[in-house]
Amino acid sequence: MTNQVKKKKFLKEFLKISADNGWNIASFDETRKKLKYNSNITNNLFPNKLDDLILFYNYLTNEKLSKLYKKKRFNKSSIRVCVLNALKIRFEILNINKISIKKSMIFLANPSKQILSSKLIYKTVDYIWKLIGDKSADYNFYTKRAILASIYSLAIAIWVSENSKDLNKTFNFLNKSIMNMNVVTDVKKKIKETIKQFL
């Protein structure tokens, strides 16, 4: 069994356990014991334990997003429609393990995890822009990611509080935020002006 397979197996079991017990070391250790992985194995797979585990989950989510997105062939659509579709697919994937992910947000809310949280958001929005084929450079590279990071963060907050299985509230917010040209243009203009002050 390769390390990648072991990591996927560990994560799958951890998601079940953490849905009840939370995204914490106790759940991590319970998963390790249930799978009969000794500490040497888990230290090799996830040296930073919960931090590495959540980064790995994010990696697998992006990987799944890529497969589903490419399968549906959205690339002939406009850039905004492509971004919107990618985000919707991502939230549909997240919704499968919503309870566990909500528990992970309590873990990420700790001030000591601020850098990790920012890293996860950046990796997500950067992956989406690259997935849809965006090749922007200079300030456009950063403004697009900053705009999407802001929208994604707000969408996460809405998604967490939404009880509907069809994600109406989350998708309505994404539709308005991504497709409203004025909102995106205004934010982009402000970010561009801010960046220019430091150039």
N, C-alpha and C. Protein backbone atom coordinates (compact mmCIF):
# COMPACT_ATOMS: atom_id res chain seq x y z
N MET A 1 0.84 -1.20 0.00
CA MET A 1 0.00 0.00 0.00
C MET A 1 0.88 1.25 0.00
N THR A 2 0.70 2.13 -0.97
CA THR A 2 1.51 3.34 -1.07
C THR A 2 1.10 4.34 0.00
N ASN A 3 1.98 5.33 0.25
CA ASN A 3 1.66 6.36 1.23
C ASN A 3 0.42 7.15 0.85
N GLN A 4 0.25 7.38 -0.46
CA GLN A 4 -0.92 8.13 -0.92
C GLN A 4 -2.21 7.37 -0.58
N VAL A 5 -2.19 6.08 -0.79
CA VAL A 5 -3.36 5.24 -0.47
C VAL A 5 -3.61 5.23 1.03
N LYS A 6 -2.54 5.16 1.81
CA LYS A 6 -2.67 5.17 3.27
C LYS A 6 -3.25 6.51 3.75
N LYS A 7 -2.80 7.58 3.12
CA LYS A 7 -3.30 8.91 3.50
C LYS A 7 -4.78 9.05 3.20
N LYS A 8 -5.20 8.55 2.04
CA LYS A 8 -6.61 8.62 1.66
C LYS A 8 -7.47 7.77 2.60
N LYS A 9 -6.95 6.62 2.95
CA LYS A 9 -7.66 5.72 3.86
C LYS A 9 -7.80 6.36 5.23
N PHE A 10 -6.73 7.00 5.68
CA PHE A 10 -6.74 7.67 6.99
C PHE A 10 -7.74 8.82 6.99
N LEU A 11 -7.69 9.63 5.94
CA LEU A 11 -8.59 10.78 5.85
C LEU A 11 -10.05 10.34 5.82
N LYS A 12 -10.36 9.32 5.06
CA LYS A 12 -11.73 8.82 4.95
C LYS A 12 -12.27 8.43 6.32
N GLU A 13 -11.46 7.72 7.09
CA GLU A 13 -11.89 7.29 8.43
C GLU A 13 -11.95 8.48 9.38
N PHE A 14 -11.00 9.38 9.25
CA PHE A 14 -10.97 10.55 10.12
C PHE A 14 -12.21 11.42 9.93
N LEU A 15 -12.66 11.57 8.70
CA LEU A 15 -13.84 12.38 8.41
C LEU A 15 -15.08 11.82 9.11
N LYS A 16 -15.17 10.51 9.20
CA LYS A 16 -16.29 9.89 9.90
C LYS A 16 -16.22 10.17 11.40
N ILE A 17 -15.04 9.98 11.94
CA ILE A 17 -14.86 10.15 13.39
C ILE A 17 -14.97 11.61 13.81
N SER A 18 -14.37 12.50 13.02
CA SER A 18 -14.37 13.93 13.36
C SER A 18 -15.75 14.56 13.25
N ALA A 19 -16.65 13.94 12.48
CA ALA A 19 -18.02 14.46 12.36
C ALA A 19 -18.71 14.43 13.72
N ASP A 20 -18.32 13.46 14.55
CA ASP A 20 -18.89 13.36 15.90
C ASP A 20 -17.99 13.99 16.96
N ASN A 21 -16.69 13.77 16.81
CA ASN A 21 -15.76 14.17 17.88
C ASN A 21 -14.99 15.46 17.63
N GLY A 22 -15.09 16.01 16.42
CA GLY A 22 -14.39 17.25 16.12
C GLY A 22 -13.06 17.04 15.43
N TRP A 23 -12.57 18.11 14.81
CA TRP A 23 -11.28 18.07 14.10
C TRP A 23 -10.19 18.34 15.13
N ASN A 24 -9.75 17.29 15.82
CA ASN A 24 -8.80 17.45 16.92
C ASN A 24 -7.88 16.24 17.03
N ILE A 25 -6.94 16.33 17.94
CA ILE A 25 -5.96 15.26 18.12
C ILE A 25 -6.62 13.98 18.60
N ALA A 26 -7.66 14.10 19.41
CA ALA A 26 -8.36 12.91 19.89
C ALA A 26 -8.93 12.11 18.71
N SER A 27 -9.51 12.80 17.74
CA SER A 27 -10.04 12.14 16.55
C SER A 27 -8.91 11.55 15.71
N PHE A 28 -7.81 12.28 15.65
CA PHE A 28 -6.63 11.83 14.91
C PHE A 28 -6.11 10.52 15.50
N ASP A 29 -5.98 10.49 16.83
CA ASP A 29 -5.46 9.30 17.50
C ASP A 29 -6.43 8.13 17.41
N GLU A 30 -7.72 8.44 17.49
CA GLU A 30 -8.73 7.37 17.37
C GLU A 30 -8.68 6.75 15.98
N THR A 31 -8.49 7.59 14.97
CA THR A 31 -8.38 7.09 13.60
C THR A 31 -7.15 6.21 13.45
N ARG A 32 -6.05 6.66 14.02
CA ARG A 32 -4.79 5.91 13.95
C ARG A 32 -4.96 4.52 14.58
N LYS A 33 -5.61 4.49 15.74
CA LYS A 33 -5.80 3.22 16.45
C LYS A 33 -6.76 2.29 15.69
N LYS A 34 -7.82 2.88 15.12
CA LYS A 34 -8.79 2.07 14.40
C LYS A 34 -8.18 1.42 13.17
N LEU A 35 -7.29 2.16 12.50
CA LEU A 35 -6.63 1.62 11.29
C LEU A 35 -5.38 0.83 11.63
N LYS A 36 -5.03 0.83 12.91
CA LYS A 36 -3.83 0.14 13.39
C LYS A 36 -2.56 0.68 12.74
N TYR A 37 -2.52 2.01 12.60
CA TYR A 37 -1.31 2.69 12.13
C TYR A 37 -0.50 3.09 13.36
N ASN A 38 0.73 2.66 13.44
CA ASN A 38 1.54 3.09 14.58
C ASN A 38 1.97 4.54 14.38
N SER A 39 2.53 5.14 15.41
CA SER A 39 2.90 6.56 15.38
C SER A 39 3.94 6.86 14.30
N ASN A 40 4.80 5.89 14.01
CA ASN A 40 5.80 6.09 12.96
C ASN A 40 5.15 6.27 11.59
N ILE A 41 4.10 5.51 11.35
CA ILE A 41 3.38 5.60 10.07
C ILE A 41 2.70 6.95 9.95
N THR A 42 1.96 7.36 10.99
CA THR A 42 1.23 8.64 10.92
C THR A 42 2.18 9.83 10.90
N ASN A 43 3.31 9.70 11.58
CA ASN A 43 4.30 10.79 11.55
C ASN A 43 4.89 10.95 10.16
N ASN A 44 4.99 9.84 9.46
CA ASN A 44 5.50 9.87 8.09
C ASN A 44 4.46 10.43 7.12
N LEU A 45 3.20 10.05 7.34
CA LEU A 45 2.12 10.50 6.47
C LEU A 45 1.74 11.95 6.72
N PHE A 46 1.62 12.30 8.00
CA PHE A 46 1.18 13.64 8.39
C PHE A 46 2.09 14.17 9.51
N PRO A 47 3.29 14.65 9.16
CA PRO A 47 4.24 15.14 10.17
C PRO A 47 3.65 16.21 11.08
N ASN A 48 2.80 17.07 10.51
CA ASN A 48 2.18 18.14 11.30
C ASN A 48 0.73 17.81 11.66
N LYS A 49 0.45 16.53 11.65
CA LYS A 49 -0.85 15.99 12.06
C LYS A 49 -2.05 16.72 11.44
N LEU A 50 -2.82 17.44 12.24
CA LEU A 50 -4.07 18.04 11.77
C LEU A 50 -3.86 19.06 10.66
N ASP A 51 -2.77 19.80 10.73
CA ASP A 51 -2.47 20.79 9.68
C ASP A 51 -2.27 20.09 8.33
N ASP A 52 -1.46 19.05 8.33
CA ASP A 52 -1.20 18.32 7.09
C ASP A 52 -2.46 17.60 6.60
N LEU A 53 -3.26 17.15 7.54
CA LEU A 53 -4.48 16.43 7.19
C LEU A 53 -5.47 17.34 6.46
N ILE A 54 -5.62 18.55 6.95
CA ILE A 54 -6.56 19.48 6.31
C ILE A 54 -6.03 19.97 4.96
N LEU A 55 -4.72 20.09 4.85
CA LEU A 55 -4.10 20.47 3.57
C LEU A 55 -4.29 19.34 2.55
N PHE A 56 -4.18 18.11 3.04
CA PHE A 56 -4.37 16.96 2.16
C PHE A 56 -5.83 16.87 1.71
N TYR A 57 -6.74 17.15 2.61
CA TYR A 57 -8.16 17.14 2.25
C TYR A 57 -8.44 18.19 1.18
N ASN A 58 -7.84 19.36 1.34
CA ASN A 58 -8.01 20.44 0.37
C ASN A 58 -7.43 20.03 -1.00
N TYR A 59 -6.30 19.37 -0.95
CA TYR A 59 -5.66 18.87 -2.19
C TYR A 59 -6.58 17.88 -2.91
N LEU A 60 -7.15 16.94 -2.18
CA LEU A 60 -8.04 15.94 -2.78
C LEU A 60 -9.32 16.58 -3.31
N THR A 61 -9.81 17.60 -2.60
CA THR A 61 -11.01 18.30 -3.05
C THR A 61 -10.74 19.00 -4.37
N ASN A 62 -9.59 19.65 -4.48
CA ASN A 62 -9.21 20.30 -5.73
C ASN A 62 -9.05 19.29 -6.86
N GLU A 63 -8.50 18.15 -6.52
CA GLU A 63 -8.29 17.09 -7.52
C GLU A 63 -9.64 16.59 -8.05
N LYS A 64 -10.59 16.40 -7.13
CA LYS A 64 -11.93 15.95 -7.52
C LYS A 64 -12.65 17.02 -8.32
N LEU A 65 -12.47 18.27 -7.89
CA LEU A 65 -13.07 19.40 -8.61
C LEU A 65 -12.58 19.43 -10.05
N SER A 66 -11.30 19.23 -10.24
CA SER A 66 -10.71 19.26 -11.57
C SER A 66 -11.33 18.19 -12.47
N LYS A 67 -11.49 16.99 -11.95
CA LYS A 67 -12.06 15.89 -12.74
C LYS A 67 -13.50 16.18 -13.13
N LEU A 68 -14.29 16.65 -12.17
CA LEU A 68 -15.70 16.93 -12.45
C LEU A 68 -15.86 18.11 -13.40
N TYR A 69 -15.03 19.13 -13.20
CA TYR A 69 -15.11 20.33 -14.03
C TYR A 69 -14.76 20.00 -15.48
N LYS A 70 -13.67 19.28 -15.68
CA LYS A 70 -13.24 18.94 -17.03
C LYS A 70 -14.22 17.99 -17.71
N LYS A 71 -14.86 17.16 -16.93
CA LYS A 71 -15.84 16.21 -17.47
C LYS A 71 -17.04 16.96 -18.04
N LYS A 72 -17.41 18.07 -17.40
CA LYS A 72 -18.58 18.83 -17.85
C LYS A 72 -18.26 19.86 -18.94
N ARG A 73 -16.97 20.06 -19.21
CA ARG A 73 -16.53 20.91 -20.32
C ARG A 73 -17.14 22.32 -20.30
N PHE A 74 -16.78 23.08 -19.27
CA PHE A 74 -17.31 24.44 -19.13
C PHE A 74 -16.44 25.48 -19.84
N ASN A 75 -15.29 25.09 -20.35
CA ASN A 75 -14.31 26.06 -20.85
C ASN A 75 -14.77 26.93 -22.01
N LYS A 76 -15.86 26.55 -22.67
CA LYS A 76 -16.36 27.37 -23.77
C LYS A 76 -17.19 28.55 -23.25
N SER A 77 -17.47 28.56 -21.96
CA SER A 77 -18.25 29.64 -21.35
C SER A 77 -17.36 30.84 -21.05
N SER A 78 -17.98 31.94 -20.62
CA SER A 78 -17.21 33.13 -20.25
C SER A 78 -16.41 32.84 -18.99
N ILE A 79 -15.43 33.68 -18.71
CA ILE A 79 -14.58 33.49 -17.53
C ILE A 79 -15.40 33.44 -16.25
N ARG A 80 -16.34 34.39 -16.11
CA ARG A 80 -17.16 34.43 -14.90
C ARG A 80 -18.01 33.18 -14.73
N VAL A 81 -18.57 32.71 -15.82
CA VAL A 81 -19.39 31.49 -15.77
C VAL A 81 -18.52 30.29 -15.38
N CYS A 82 -17.31 30.26 -15.91
CA CYS A 82 -16.38 29.18 -15.57
C CYS A 82 -16.04 29.19 -14.09
N VAL A 83 -15.76 30.38 -13.55
CA VAL A 83 -15.45 30.51 -12.12
C VAL A 83 -16.65 30.09 -11.29
N LEU A 84 -17.82 30.56 -11.69
CA LEU A 84 -19.05 30.24 -10.98
C LEU A 84 -19.30 28.74 -10.95
N ASN A 85 -19.15 28.09 -12.09
CA ASN A 85 -19.37 26.65 -12.16
C ASN A 85 -18.36 25.88 -11.31
N ALA A 86 -17.11 26.33 -11.33
CA ALA A 86 -16.08 25.67 -10.53
C ALA A 86 -16.38 25.78 -9.04
N LEU A 87 -16.82 26.96 -8.61
CA LEU A 87 -17.17 27.17 -7.20
C LEU A 87 -18.36 26.31 -6.79
N LYS A 88 -19.35 26.23 -7.66
CA LYS A 88 -20.53 25.43 -7.35
C LYS A 88 -20.16 23.95 -7.19
N ILE A 89 -19.31 23.47 -8.07
CA ILE A 89 -18.88 22.08 -7.98
C ILE A 89 -18.12 21.85 -6.68
N ARG A 90 -17.27 22.82 -6.32
CA ARG A 90 -16.50 22.68 -5.09
C ARG A 90 -17.41 22.60 -3.87
N PHE A 91 -18.42 23.43 -3.82
CA PHE A 91 -19.33 23.41 -2.67
C PHE A 91 -20.15 22.12 -2.64
N GLU A 92 -20.46 21.59 -3.79
CA GLU A 92 -21.17 20.30 -3.83
C GLU A 92 -20.29 19.19 -3.26
N ILE A 93 -18.99 19.27 -3.54
CA ILE A 93 -18.04 18.30 -3.01
C ILE A 93 -17.92 18.47 -1.50
N LEU A 94 -17.78 19.71 -1.05
CA LEU A 94 -17.66 19.99 0.38
C LEU A 94 -18.90 19.54 1.14
N ASN A 95 -20.04 19.66 0.50
CA ASN A 95 -21.31 19.35 1.18
C ASN A 95 -21.42 17.89 1.59
N ILE A 96 -20.66 17.03 0.94
CA ILE A 96 -20.68 15.60 1.25
C ILE A 96 -20.18 15.36 2.69
N ASN A 97 -19.18 16.13 3.10
CA ASN A 97 -18.61 15.99 4.45
C ASN A 97 -18.81 17.27 5.27
N LYS A 98 -19.99 17.85 5.13
CA LYS A 98 -20.24 19.16 5.73
C LYS A 98 -20.05 19.18 7.24
N ILE A 99 -20.54 18.18 7.94
CA ILE A 99 -20.44 18.17 9.40
C ILE A 99 -18.99 18.20 9.85
N SER A 100 -18.18 17.36 9.23
CA SER A 100 -16.76 17.31 9.59
C SER A 100 -16.04 18.61 9.23
N ILE A 101 -16.39 19.17 8.09
CA ILE A 101 -15.76 20.41 7.65
C ILE A 101 -16.12 21.56 8.58
N LYS A 102 -17.36 21.58 9.04
CA LYS A 102 -17.77 22.60 10.01
C LYS A 102 -16.95 22.49 11.28
N LYS A 103 -16.65 21.25 11.68
CA LYS A 103 -15.80 21.03 12.86
C LYS A 103 -14.37 21.52 12.59
N SER A 104 -13.93 21.38 11.34
CA SER A 104 -12.57 21.82 11.00
C SER A 104 -12.46 23.34 11.08
N MET A 105 -13.57 24.03 10.88
CA MET A 105 -13.55 25.49 10.93
C MET A 105 -13.37 26.00 12.35
N ILE A 106 -13.82 25.20 13.31
CA ILE A 106 -13.57 25.54 14.72
C ILE A 106 -12.07 25.43 14.97
N PHE A 107 -11.47 24.40 14.41
CA PHE A 107 -10.03 24.20 14.51
C PHE A 107 -9.27 25.36 13.86
N LEU A 108 -9.73 25.78 12.68
CA LEU A 108 -9.06 26.86 11.94
C LEU A 108 -9.31 28.23 12.56
N ALA A 109 -10.34 28.35 13.39
CA ALA A 109 -10.66 29.63 14.02
C ALA A 109 -9.66 30.03 15.10
N ASN A 110 -8.87 29.07 15.53
CA ASN A 110 -7.82 29.36 16.52
C ASN A 110 -6.83 30.35 15.91
N PRO A 111 -6.52 31.45 16.64
CA PRO A 111 -5.57 32.47 16.11
C PRO A 111 -4.25 31.89 15.61
N SER A 112 -3.82 30.80 16.21
CA SER A 112 -2.55 30.19 15.81
C SER A 112 -2.64 29.53 14.42
N LYS A 113 -3.88 29.36 13.92
CA LYS A 113 -4.08 28.72 12.62
C LYS A 113 -4.43 29.73 11.53
N GLN A 114 -4.22 30.99 11.79
CA GLN A 114 -4.57 32.03 10.82
C GLN A 114 -3.80 31.88 9.51
N ILE A 115 -2.51 31.58 9.62
CA ILE A 115 -1.69 31.40 8.42
C ILE A 115 -2.16 30.19 7.63
N LEU A 116 -2.46 29.10 8.33
CA LEU A 116 -2.94 27.89 7.68
C LEU A 116 -4.27 28.16 6.97
N SER A 117 -5.16 28.88 7.62
CA SER A 117 -6.46 29.21 7.04
C SER A 117 -6.29 30.04 5.76
N SER A 118 -5.42 31.02 5.82
CA SER A 118 -5.15 31.87 4.65
C SER A 118 -4.53 31.05 3.52
N LYS A 119 -3.68 30.12 3.89
CA LYS A 119 -3.02 29.26 2.90
C LYS A 119 -4.06 28.39 2.19
N LEU A 120 -5.02 27.87 2.93
CA LEU A 120 -6.06 27.03 2.34
C LEU A 120 -6.91 27.82 1.35
N ILE A 121 -7.27 29.04 1.75
CA ILE A 121 -8.08 29.88 0.87
C ILE A 121 -7.31 30.23 -0.40
N TYR A 122 -6.05 30.60 -0.22
CA TYR A 122 -5.25 30.97 -1.40
C TYR A 122 -5.09 29.78 -2.35
N LYS A 123 -4.78 28.60 -1.79
CA LYS A 123 -4.62 27.42 -2.62
C LYS A 123 -5.90 27.11 -3.40
N THR A 124 -7.04 27.36 -2.76
CA THR A 124 -8.33 27.10 -3.40
C THR A 124 -8.57 28.05 -4.57
N VAL A 125 -8.45 29.35 -4.33
CA VAL A 125 -8.75 30.32 -5.40
C VAL A 125 -7.70 30.28 -6.50
N ASP A 126 -6.45 30.05 -6.13
CA ASP A 126 -5.40 29.94 -7.13
C ASP A 126 -5.65 28.74 -8.04
N TYR A 127 -6.08 27.64 -7.42
CA TYR A 127 -6.36 26.43 -8.20
C TYR A 127 -7.51 26.66 -9.16
N ILE A 128 -8.55 27.36 -8.71
CA ILE A 128 -9.71 27.61 -9.56
C ILE A 128 -9.34 28.47 -10.77
N TRP A 129 -8.57 29.54 -10.53
CA TRP A 129 -8.16 30.39 -11.66
C TRP A 129 -7.33 29.61 -12.67
N LYS A 130 -6.44 28.76 -12.16
CA LYS A 130 -5.61 27.97 -13.07
C LYS A 130 -6.45 26.91 -13.79
N LEU A 131 -7.42 26.36 -13.08
CA LEU A 131 -8.28 25.33 -13.66
C LEU A 131 -9.06 25.85 -14.86
N ILE A 132 -9.54 27.09 -14.77
CA ILE A 132 -10.33 27.64 -15.88
C ILE A 132 -9.46 28.20 -17.00
N GLY A 133 -8.14 28.11 -16.81
CA GLY A 133 -7.22 28.52 -17.87
C GLY A 133 -6.80 29.97 -17.84
N ASP A 134 -7.00 30.65 -16.71
CA ASP A 134 -6.59 32.06 -16.60
C ASP A 134 -5.07 32.17 -16.64
N LYS A 135 -4.57 33.10 -17.44
CA LYS A 135 -3.12 33.30 -17.57
C LYS A 135 -2.73 34.74 -17.31
N SER A 136 -3.46 35.40 -16.43
CA SER A 136 -3.18 36.80 -16.12
C SER A 136 -1.82 36.94 -15.44
N ALA A 137 -1.23 38.11 -15.60
CA ALA A 137 0.07 38.40 -15.00
C ALA A 137 0.01 39.76 -14.31
N ASP A 138 1.12 40.18 -13.71
CA ASP A 138 1.21 41.46 -13.03
C ASP A 138 0.14 41.58 -11.95
N TYR A 139 -0.43 42.79 -11.81
CA TYR A 139 -1.39 43.02 -10.72
C TYR A 139 -2.67 42.22 -10.92
N ASN A 140 -3.01 41.89 -12.19
CA ASN A 140 -4.22 41.11 -12.45
C ASN A 140 -4.19 39.75 -11.77
N PHE A 141 -3.01 39.16 -11.70
CA PHE A 141 -2.85 37.86 -11.05
C PHE A 141 -3.31 37.94 -9.60
N TYR A 142 -2.88 38.99 -8.91
CA TYR A 142 -3.19 39.14 -7.49
C TYR A 142 -4.60 39.66 -7.24
N THR A 143 -5.06 40.58 -8.08
CA THR A 143 -6.40 41.12 -7.87
C THR A 143 -7.47 40.05 -8.06
N LYS A 144 -7.29 39.22 -9.07
CA LYS A 144 -8.28 38.16 -9.31
C LYS A 144 -8.34 37.19 -8.14
N ARG A 145 -7.20 36.87 -7.58
CA ARG A 145 -7.17 35.95 -6.45
C ARG A 145 -7.71 36.61 -5.19
N ALA A 146 -7.42 37.89 -5.01
CA ALA A 146 -7.94 38.61 -3.85
C ALA A 146 -9.46 38.73 -3.91
N ILE A 147 -9.97 39.03 -5.10
CA ILE A 147 -11.42 39.15 -5.28
C ILE A 147 -12.11 37.81 -5.01
N LEU A 148 -11.57 36.76 -5.60
CA LEU A 148 -12.19 35.44 -5.44
C LEU A 148 -12.06 34.94 -4.00
N ALA A 149 -10.95 35.26 -3.35
CA ALA A 149 -10.76 34.86 -1.95
C ALA A 149 -11.82 35.50 -1.06
N SER A 150 -12.12 36.76 -1.34
CA SER A 150 -13.14 37.48 -0.57
C SER A 150 -14.52 36.86 -0.79
N ILE A 151 -14.85 36.59 -2.03
CA ILE A 151 -16.15 35.98 -2.36
C ILE A 151 -16.25 34.58 -1.77
N TYR A 152 -15.19 33.81 -1.92
CA TYR A 152 -15.19 32.43 -1.42
C TYR A 152 -15.35 32.38 0.10
N SER A 153 -14.66 33.28 0.80
CA SER A 153 -14.73 33.32 2.26
C SER A 153 -16.15 33.62 2.73
N LEU A 154 -16.80 34.57 2.06
CA LEU A 154 -18.18 34.92 2.41
C LEU A 154 -19.13 33.78 2.07
N ALA A 155 -18.87 33.12 0.95
CA ALA A 155 -19.71 31.98 0.53
C ALA A 155 -19.61 30.84 1.54
N ILE A 156 -18.41 30.62 2.07
CA ILE A 156 -18.21 29.58 3.08
C ILE A 156 -19.08 29.87 4.31
N ALA A 157 -19.10 31.14 4.74
CA ALA A 157 -19.89 31.53 5.90
C ALA A 157 -21.38 31.27 5.67
N ILE A 158 -21.85 31.54 4.46
CA ILE A 158 -23.25 31.30 4.11
C ILE A 158 -23.53 29.80 4.06
N TRP A 159 -22.64 29.08 3.44
CA TRP A 159 -22.78 27.62 3.31
C TRP A 159 -22.86 26.93 4.66
N VAL A 160 -22.03 27.36 5.60
CA VAL A 160 -22.00 26.75 6.93
C VAL A 160 -23.35 26.87 7.63
N SER A 161 -24.01 28.00 7.45
CA SER A 161 -25.28 28.24 8.14
C SER A 161 -26.49 27.74 7.35
N GLU A 162 -26.26 27.30 6.11
CA GLU A 162 -27.37 26.86 5.26
C GLU A 162 -27.76 25.41 5.56
N ASN A 163 -29.05 25.17 5.68
CA ASN A 163 -29.55 23.81 5.95
C ASN A 163 -30.06 23.11 4.70
N SER A 164 -30.28 23.89 3.64
CA SER A 164 -30.82 23.32 2.40
C SER A 164 -29.80 22.43 1.70
N LYS A 165 -30.24 21.26 1.26
CA LYS A 165 -29.36 20.33 0.56
C LYS A 165 -29.02 20.79 -0.85
N ASP A 166 -29.90 21.62 -1.43
CA ASP A 166 -29.64 22.09 -2.80
C ASP A 166 -28.79 23.36 -2.83
N LEU A 167 -28.37 23.83 -1.65
CA LEU A 167 -27.45 24.97 -1.52
C LEU A 167 -27.96 26.25 -2.20
N ASN A 168 -29.25 26.50 -2.11
CA ASN A 168 -29.84 27.67 -2.77
C ASN A 168 -29.21 28.99 -2.33
N LYS A 169 -29.08 29.18 -1.03
CA LYS A 169 -28.54 30.45 -0.51
C LYS A 169 -27.09 30.65 -0.96
N THR A 170 -26.32 29.60 -0.86
CA THR A 170 -24.91 29.68 -1.26
C THR A 170 -24.78 29.97 -2.75
N PHE A 171 -25.53 29.26 -3.56
CA PHE A 171 -25.46 29.43 -5.00
C PHE A 171 -26.01 30.80 -5.44
N ASN A 172 -27.05 31.27 -4.77
CA ASN A 172 -27.59 32.60 -5.09
C ASN A 172 -26.57 33.68 -4.80
N PHE A 173 -25.87 33.53 -3.68
CA PHE A 173 -24.81 34.49 -3.34
C PHE A 173 -23.71 34.46 -4.39
N LEU A 174 -23.30 33.27 -4.78
CA LEU A 174 -22.23 33.13 -5.78
C LEU A 174 -22.67 33.72 -7.12
N ASN A 175 -23.91 33.46 -7.50
CA ASN A 175 -24.42 34.01 -8.76
C ASN A 175 -24.32 35.53 -8.77
N LYS A 176 -24.77 36.16 -7.70
CA LYS A 176 -24.76 37.63 -7.62
C LYS A 176 -23.34 38.17 -7.55
N SER A 177 -22.51 37.52 -6.76
CA SER A 177 -21.14 38.02 -6.54
C SER A 177 -20.25 37.86 -7.76
N ILE A 178 -20.34 36.71 -8.40
CA ILE A 178 -19.48 36.45 -9.56
C ILE A 178 -19.99 37.14 -10.81
N MET A 179 -21.31 37.14 -10.99
CA MET A 179 -21.87 37.65 -12.23
C MET A 179 -22.14 39.16 -12.23
N ASN A 180 -22.14 39.79 -11.04
CA ASN A 180 -22.38 41.22 -10.97
C ASN A 180 -21.10 41.97 -11.36
N MET A 181 -21.05 42.44 -12.56
CA MET A 181 -19.85 43.10 -13.10
C MET A 181 -19.42 44.31 -12.29
N ASN A 182 -20.37 45.09 -11.82
CA ASN A 182 -20.06 46.33 -11.10
C ASN A 182 -19.34 46.04 -9.79
N VAL A 183 -19.83 45.03 -9.06
CA VAL A 183 -19.21 44.69 -7.77
C VAL A 183 -17.77 44.25 -7.98
N VAL A 184 -17.56 43.35 -8.94
CA VAL A 184 -16.22 42.83 -9.20
C VAL A 184 -15.30 43.94 -9.70
N THR A 185 -15.80 44.78 -10.60
CA THR A 185 -14.99 45.86 -11.15
C THR A 185 -14.58 46.86 -10.07
N ASP A 186 -15.52 47.21 -9.20
CA ASP A 186 -15.22 48.17 -8.12
C ASP A 186 -14.16 47.63 -7.18
N VAL A 187 -14.29 46.34 -6.81
CA VAL A 187 -13.31 45.73 -5.91
C VAL A 187 -11.95 45.68 -6.58
N LYS A 188 -11.94 45.30 -7.85
CA LYS A 188 -10.69 45.19 -8.61
C LYS A 188 -10.00 46.54 -8.71
N LYS A 189 -10.79 47.61 -8.92
CA LYS A 189 -10.25 48.95 -9.04
C LYS A 189 -9.60 49.38 -7.74
N LYS A 190 -10.27 49.09 -6.62
CA LYS A 190 -9.73 49.46 -5.31
C LYS A 190 -8.44 48.72 -5.01
N ILE A 191 -8.42 47.42 -5.34
CA ILE A 191 -7.21 46.63 -5.11
C ILE A 191 -6.06 47.13 -5.98
N LYS A 192 -6.37 47.47 -7.23
CA LYS A 192 -5.35 47.97 -8.15
C LYS A 192 -4.75 49.27 -7.61
N GLU A 193 -5.61 50.16 -7.10
CA GLU A 193 -5.14 51.43 -6.55
C GLU A 193 -4.26 51.21 -5.32
N THR A 194 -4.64 50.23 -4.51
CA THR A 194 -3.86 49.91 -3.30
C THR A 194 -2.48 49.38 -3.66
N ILE A 195 -2.46 48.48 -4.66
CA ILE A 195 -1.19 47.87 -5.09
C ILE A 195 -0.26 48.95 -5.66
N LYS A 196 -0.82 49.88 -6.43
CA LYS A 196 -0.02 50.93 -7.05
C LYS A 196 0.72 51.79 -6.02
N GLN A 197 0.14 51.91 -4.83
CA GLN A 197 0.76 52.71 -3.77
C GLN A 197 2.09 52.11 -3.31
N PHE A 198 2.24 50.81 -3.53
CA PHE A 198 3.45 50.13 -3.07
C PHE A 198 4.44 49.82 -4.20
N LEU A 199 4.09 50.23 -5.41
CA LEU A 199 4.98 49.97 -6.56
C LEU A 199 5.93 51.16 -6.79
